[in-house]
Protein backbone atom coordinates (compact mmCIF):
# COMPACT_ATOMS: atom_id res chain seq x y z
CA MET A 1 0.00 0.00 0.00
CA GLN A 2 2.86 2.40 0.81
CA GLN A 3 4.43 1.78 -2.62
CA GLU A 4 1.11 2.52 -4.32
CA ARG A 5 0.79 5.86 -2.49
CA ILE A 6 4.36 6.78 -3.42
CA TYR A 7 3.69 5.89 -7.05
CA HIS A 8 0.53 8.01 -7.17
CA TRP A 9 2.32 10.90 -5.48
CA LEU A 10 5.19 10.66 -7.99
CA VAL A 11 2.90 10.66 -11.03
CA ASP A 12 0.77 13.51 -9.69
CA THR A 13 3.77 15.74 -8.99
CA ILE A 14 4.96 15.55 -12.61
CA VAL A 15 3.62 18.82 -14.00
CA ASP A 16 5.47 19.17 -17.32
CA TYR A 17 3.97 16.01 -18.84
CA ALA A 18 0.39 14.84 -19.21
CA ILE A 19 0.01 11.29 -17.96
CA LEU A 20 -3.32 9.62 -18.66
CA MET A 21 -4.29 6.04 -17.93
CA LEU A 22 -6.92 4.51 -20.17
CA ASP A 23 -8.61 1.14 -20.07
CA LEU A 24 -8.68 -0.99 -23.23
CA GLN A 25 -11.99 0.60 -24.30
CA GLY A 26 -10.53 4.13 -24.18
CA ASN A 27 -12.14 5.26 -20.93
CA ILE A 28 -9.96 7.65 -18.94
CA LEU A 29 -9.20 5.98 -15.61
CA SER A 30 -6.89 8.65 -14.21
CA TRP A 31 -4.75 11.60 -15.16
CA ASN A 32 -2.17 13.68 -13.39
CA THR A 33 -1.86 17.35 -12.49
CA GLY A 34 0.34 17.86 -15.56
CA ALA A 35 -2.53 16.78 -17.82
CA GLN A 36 -4.82 19.33 -16.18
CA ARG A 37 -2.20 22.08 -16.41
CA LEU A 38 -1.12 21.40 -20.00
CA MET A 39 -4.58 20.94 -21.47
CA GLY A 40 -6.48 23.44 -19.33
CA TYR A 41 -9.31 21.07 -18.40
CA LEU A 42 -10.15 20.01 -14.88
CA GLU A 43 -12.94 17.58 -15.68
CA LYS A 44 -12.39 14.12 -17.09
CA ARG A 45 -14.50 12.79 -19.92
CA GLN A 46 -15.52 9.18 -20.00
CA TRP A 47 -14.04 8.28 -23.38
CA VAL A 48 -10.84 9.78 -24.73
CA SER A 49 -12.21 10.62 -28.18
CA THR A 50 -14.91 12.81 -26.60
CA PHE A 51 -12.25 14.89 -24.91
CA PRO A 52 -11.80 18.27 -26.61
CA PHE A 53 -7.97 18.06 -26.69
CA ILE A 54 -8.28 15.57 -29.56
CA PRO A 55 -8.58 17.64 -32.78
CA PRO A 56 -11.94 17.13 -34.52
CA ASP A 57 -10.34 15.93 -37.76
CA LEU A 58 -8.70 13.04 -35.88
CA VAL A 59 -11.96 12.10 -34.19
CA GLU A 60 -13.89 12.29 -37.48
CA SER A 61 -11.32 10.10 -39.22
CA GLY A 62 -11.75 7.41 -36.57
CA PHE A 63 -8.19 7.75 -35.34
CA PRO A 64 -8.99 7.19 -31.61
CA VAL A 65 -10.66 3.88 -32.49
CA TYR A 66 -7.66 2.92 -34.66
CA GLU A 67 -5.30 3.83 -31.79
CA LEU A 68 -7.17 1.62 -29.35
CA ALA A 69 -7.21 -1.27 -31.82
CA LYS A 70 -3.43 -1.01 -32.18
CA VAL A 71 -2.97 -0.89 -28.40
CA ASN A 72 -5.17 -3.96 -27.98
CA GLU A 73 -3.21 -5.75 -30.74
CA ALA A 74 0.37 -4.80 -29.85
CA GLY A 75 0.13 -3.62 -26.25
CA ARG A 76 1.25 -0.07 -27.09
CA PHE A 77 0.97 2.65 -29.71
CA GLU A 78 2.89 5.88 -30.33
CA HIS A 79 1.83 8.93 -32.27
CA GLU A 80 3.01 12.50 -32.70
CA GLY A 81 0.64 15.28 -33.62
CA LEU A 82 -1.22 18.39 -32.57
CA ARG A 83 -3.51 18.57 -29.55
CA LYS A 84 -5.66 21.48 -28.36
CA HIS A 85 -5.56 23.47 -25.15
CA LYS A 86 -8.88 24.60 -23.70
CA ASP A 87 -8.17 28.11 -25.02
CA GLY A 88 -8.01 26.73 -28.59
CA SER A 89 -4.24 27.01 -29.03
CA THR A 90 -2.41 23.89 -30.12
CA TRP A 91 0.66 22.05 -28.89
CA TRP A 92 2.79 19.24 -30.26
CA CYS A 93 2.24 15.91 -28.51
CA HIS A 94 4.12 12.64 -28.45
CA ALA A 95 1.58 10.11 -27.24
């Protein structure tokens, strides 16, 4: 239990990187303070593709579903591209 608390504390104190944990269906299970700070959102959405930091063109193309399929197939997936802050500005992301 102590190790789990230390782990959660460590992840939550990382403020320069957004760390999100998703289940295999794409539901956001947790995210750190860095995710809130970088994206500008405090609330979590149930499914990652409904979250406004994913650009609409990626959502419309079905990319979040493709991403999840690749994760389920290979156990991981990496992608670089633009994401949106709450204020509408964009930032480069390595996910």
